[in-house]
Amino acid sequence: MSKRPIGRPKLRWEDDVLEDIKNMNVRNWKKVAKNSDRWKKVLVVEQARTLNRRRIRKMSWKARNERLGELMNVH
């Protein structure tokens, strides 16, 4: 008789992809993905957001606060 492995089940590739799509806040992603031009735009926007987050994480606290202040003062 075999035993179940201890811990939670390993994530499948599909689970990881679905989690990424969920984090991208794309509604009706299957419908959007069928339109290749729209899907490419979604991916480009998400890539830009990701790169921006990485840049912000690398910034010093002072630079980060200055940038945030600039963004908050824009009307």
N, C-alpha and C. Protein backbone atom coordinates (compact mmCIF):
# COMPACT_ATOMS: atom_id res chain seq x y z
N MET A 1 0.84 -1.17 0.00
CA MET A 1 0.00 0.00 0.00
C MET A 1 0.89 1.25 0.00
N SER A 2 0.64 2.15 -0.94
CA SER A 2 1.46 3.36 -1.02
C SER A 2 0.88 4.45 -0.14
N LYS A 3 1.76 5.33 0.28
CA LYS A 3 1.34 6.44 1.13
C LYS A 3 1.39 7.75 0.35
N ARG A 4 0.56 8.65 0.76
CA ARG A 4 0.58 9.99 0.18
C ARG A 4 1.82 10.74 0.65
N PRO A 5 2.41 11.57 -0.22
CA PRO A 5 3.54 12.38 0.23
C PRO A 5 3.10 13.43 1.26
N ILE A 6 4.00 13.80 2.14
CA ILE A 6 3.70 14.79 3.17
C ILE A 6 3.72 16.18 2.54
N GLY A 7 2.81 17.06 2.99
CA GLY A 7 2.77 18.45 2.52
C GLY A 7 1.73 18.65 1.44
N ARG A 8 1.73 19.86 0.93
CA ARG A 8 0.74 20.18 -0.09
C ARG A 8 1.19 19.64 -1.45
N PRO A 9 0.25 19.46 -2.35
CA PRO A 9 0.62 18.98 -3.69
C PRO A 9 1.48 20.00 -4.42
N LYS A 10 2.38 19.52 -5.27
CA LYS A 10 3.22 20.42 -6.05
C LYS A 10 2.36 21.17 -7.06
N LEU A 11 2.75 22.41 -7.31
CA LEU A 11 2.02 23.20 -8.29
C LEU A 11 2.32 22.71 -9.70
N ARG A 12 1.30 22.71 -10.50
CA ARG A 12 1.48 22.39 -11.91
C ARG A 12 1.83 23.67 -12.65
N TRP A 13 2.39 23.54 -13.84
CA TRP A 13 2.74 24.69 -14.65
C TRP A 13 1.49 25.53 -14.90
N GLU A 14 0.40 24.86 -15.19
CA GLU A 14 -0.86 25.57 -15.47
C GLU A 14 -1.32 26.39 -14.27
N ASP A 15 -1.16 25.85 -13.07
CA ASP A 15 -1.53 26.58 -11.86
C ASP A 15 -0.71 27.86 -11.73
N ASP A 16 0.57 27.76 -12.06
CA ASP A 16 1.47 28.92 -11.97
C ASP A 16 1.06 29.98 -12.99
N VAL A 17 0.74 29.56 -14.20
CA VAL A 17 0.31 30.50 -15.25
C VAL A 17 -0.99 31.18 -14.84
N LEU A 18 -1.94 30.42 -14.33
CA LEU A 18 -3.22 31.00 -13.91
C LEU A 18 -3.03 32.00 -12.77
N GLU A 19 -2.09 31.72 -11.88
CA GLU A 19 -1.80 32.66 -10.80
C GLU A 19 -1.22 33.97 -11.36
N ASP A 20 -0.34 33.86 -12.36
CA ASP A 20 0.21 35.06 -13.00
C ASP A 20 -0.88 35.87 -13.67
N ILE A 21 -1.79 35.20 -14.35
CA ILE A 21 -2.89 35.91 -15.02
C ILE A 21 -3.79 36.59 -13.99
N LYS A 22 -4.01 35.92 -12.88
CA LYS A 22 -4.82 36.51 -11.80
C LYS A 22 -4.15 37.78 -11.27
N ASN A 23 -2.82 37.74 -11.12
CA ASN A 23 -2.09 38.91 -10.64
C ASN A 23 -2.08 40.05 -11.65
N MET A 24 -2.29 39.73 -12.93
CA MET A 24 -2.33 40.74 -13.98
C MET A 24 -3.68 41.44 -14.03
N ASN A 25 -4.67 40.94 -13.32
CA ASN A 25 -6.02 41.52 -13.29
C ASN A 25 -6.64 41.59 -14.68
N VAL A 26 -6.52 40.52 -15.43
CA VAL A 26 -7.12 40.46 -16.77
C VAL A 26 -8.44 39.73 -16.65
N ARG A 27 -9.52 40.44 -16.96
CA ARG A 27 -10.84 39.80 -16.95
C ARG A 27 -11.04 39.10 -18.28
N ASN A 28 -11.73 37.98 -18.27
CA ASN A 28 -12.00 37.21 -19.49
C ASN A 28 -10.73 36.96 -20.29
N TRP A 29 -9.68 36.46 -19.61
CA TRP A 29 -8.39 36.33 -20.26
C TRP A 29 -8.43 35.38 -21.45
N LYS A 30 -9.29 34.38 -21.42
CA LYS A 30 -9.36 33.45 -22.56
C LYS A 30 -9.86 34.18 -23.80
N LYS A 31 -10.85 35.05 -23.62
CA LYS A 31 -11.39 35.82 -24.73
C LYS A 31 -10.35 36.82 -25.25
N VAL A 32 -9.65 37.46 -24.32
CA VAL A 32 -8.62 38.43 -24.70
C VAL A 32 -7.48 37.72 -25.45
N ALA A 33 -7.10 36.53 -24.98
CA ALA A 33 -5.99 35.79 -25.59
C ALA A 33 -6.31 35.34 -27.01
N LYS A 34 -7.58 35.17 -27.33
CA LYS A 34 -7.96 34.77 -28.68
C LYS A 34 -7.68 35.88 -29.69
N ASN A 35 -7.69 37.13 -29.22
CA ASN A 35 -7.34 38.26 -30.07
C ASN A 35 -5.86 38.56 -29.82
N SER A 36 -5.00 38.12 -30.75
CA SER A 36 -3.56 38.19 -30.52
C SER A 36 -3.06 39.63 -30.32
N ASP A 37 -3.63 40.59 -31.02
CA ASP A 37 -3.20 41.98 -30.85
C ASP A 37 -3.50 42.49 -29.45
N ARG A 38 -4.70 42.22 -28.96
CA ARG A 38 -5.06 42.64 -27.59
C ARG A 38 -4.18 41.94 -26.56
N TRP A 39 -3.94 40.65 -26.77
CA TRP A 39 -3.14 39.86 -25.81
C TRP A 39 -1.71 40.39 -25.76
N LYS A 40 -1.16 40.74 -26.92
CA LYS A 40 0.20 41.29 -26.95
C LYS A 40 0.25 42.61 -26.18
N LYS A 41 -0.79 43.43 -26.34
CA LYS A 41 -0.82 44.70 -25.60
C LYS A 41 -0.87 44.46 -24.09
N VAL A 42 -1.68 43.48 -23.67
CA VAL A 42 -1.76 43.14 -22.25
C VAL A 42 -0.39 42.71 -21.73
N LEU A 43 0.31 41.89 -22.50
CA LEU A 43 1.63 41.40 -22.08
C LEU A 43 2.66 42.52 -22.04
N VAL A 44 2.61 43.44 -22.99
CA VAL A 44 3.54 44.57 -23.00
C VAL A 44 3.31 45.46 -21.78
N VAL A 45 2.06 45.73 -21.47
CA VAL A 45 1.74 46.56 -20.30
C VAL A 45 2.22 45.87 -19.02
N GLU A 46 1.98 44.58 -18.90
CA GLU A 46 2.40 43.85 -17.70
C GLU A 46 3.91 43.81 -17.59
N GLN A 47 4.60 43.65 -18.71
CA GLN A 47 6.05 43.64 -18.69
C GLN A 47 6.58 44.99 -18.22
N ALA A 48 5.97 46.07 -18.68
CA ALA A 48 6.38 47.42 -18.25
C ALA A 48 6.15 47.59 -16.75
N ARG A 49 5.01 47.11 -16.26
CA ARG A 49 4.74 47.21 -14.82
C ARG A 49 5.77 46.43 -14.02
N THR A 50 6.11 45.24 -14.48
CA THR A 50 7.08 44.41 -13.79
C THR A 50 8.45 45.08 -13.75
N LEU A 51 8.88 45.61 -14.90
CA LEU A 51 10.17 46.29 -14.94
C LEU A 51 10.17 47.52 -14.04
N ASN A 52 9.06 48.25 -14.02
CA ASN A 52 8.95 49.43 -13.17
C ASN A 52 9.04 49.04 -11.69
N ARG A 53 8.36 47.94 -11.32
CA ARG A 53 8.42 47.47 -9.92
C ARG A 53 9.85 47.12 -9.54
N ARG A 54 10.57 46.45 -10.45
CA ARG A 54 11.97 46.07 -10.17
C ARG A 54 12.83 47.30 -10.00
N ARG A 55 12.63 48.31 -10.88
CA ARG A 55 13.40 49.55 -10.77
C ARG A 55 13.14 50.25 -9.45
N ILE A 56 11.87 50.29 -9.06
CA ILE A 56 11.51 50.96 -7.81
C ILE A 56 12.12 50.24 -6.62
N ARG A 57 12.12 48.89 -6.65
CA ARG A 57 12.72 48.14 -5.54
C ARG A 57 14.20 48.42 -5.40
N LYS A 58 14.88 48.69 -6.52
CA LYS A 58 16.32 48.95 -6.49
C LYS A 58 16.64 50.37 -6.05
N MET A 59 15.66 51.26 -6.07
CA MET A 59 15.88 52.66 -5.70
C MET A 59 16.11 52.78 -4.19
N SER A 60 16.83 53.81 -3.81
CA SER A 60 17.00 54.08 -2.39
C SER A 60 15.67 54.60 -1.83
N TRP A 61 15.53 54.57 -0.52
CA TRP A 61 14.29 55.06 0.10
C TRP A 61 14.07 56.53 -0.22
N LYS A 62 15.15 57.31 -0.23
CA LYS A 62 15.02 58.75 -0.51
C LYS A 62 14.50 58.96 -1.94
N ALA A 63 15.10 58.28 -2.90
CA ALA A 63 14.67 58.41 -4.29
C ALA A 63 13.24 57.91 -4.47
N ARG A 64 12.91 56.84 -3.77
CA ARG A 64 11.56 56.28 -3.86
C ARG A 64 10.52 57.27 -3.34
N ASN A 65 10.81 57.90 -2.19
CA ASN A 65 9.89 58.87 -1.61
C ASN A 65 9.76 60.12 -2.49
N GLU A 66 10.87 60.55 -3.10
CA GLU A 66 10.82 61.69 -4.01
C GLU A 66 9.94 61.37 -5.21
N ARG A 67 10.11 60.17 -5.77
CA ARG A 67 9.31 59.76 -6.92
C ARG A 67 7.83 59.69 -6.55
N LEU A 68 7.54 59.14 -5.39
CA LEU A 68 6.16 59.04 -4.92
C LEU A 68 5.56 60.45 -4.74
N GLY A 69 6.36 61.38 -4.20
CA GLY A 69 5.89 62.74 -4.04
C GLY A 69 5.56 63.40 -5.37
N GLU A 70 6.40 63.12 -6.39
CA GLU A 70 6.15 63.65 -7.73
C GLU A 70 4.82 63.12 -8.27
N LEU A 71 4.60 61.84 -8.09
CA LEU A 71 3.38 61.22 -8.60
C LEU A 71 2.13 61.73 -7.87
N MET A 72 2.27 61.99 -6.59
CA MET A 72 1.12 62.45 -5.81
C MET A 72 0.76 63.90 -6.15
N ASN A 73 1.73 64.71 -6.57
CA ASN A 73 1.49 66.12 -6.86
C ASN A 73 0.96 66.35 -8.27
N VAL A 74 0.99 65.34 -9.11
CA VAL A 74 0.49 65.47 -10.48
C VAL A 74 -1.03 65.49 -10.44
N HIS A 75 -1.63 66.44 -11.13
CA HIS A 75 -3.09 66.57 -11.11
C HIS A 75 -3.69 65.97 -12.32
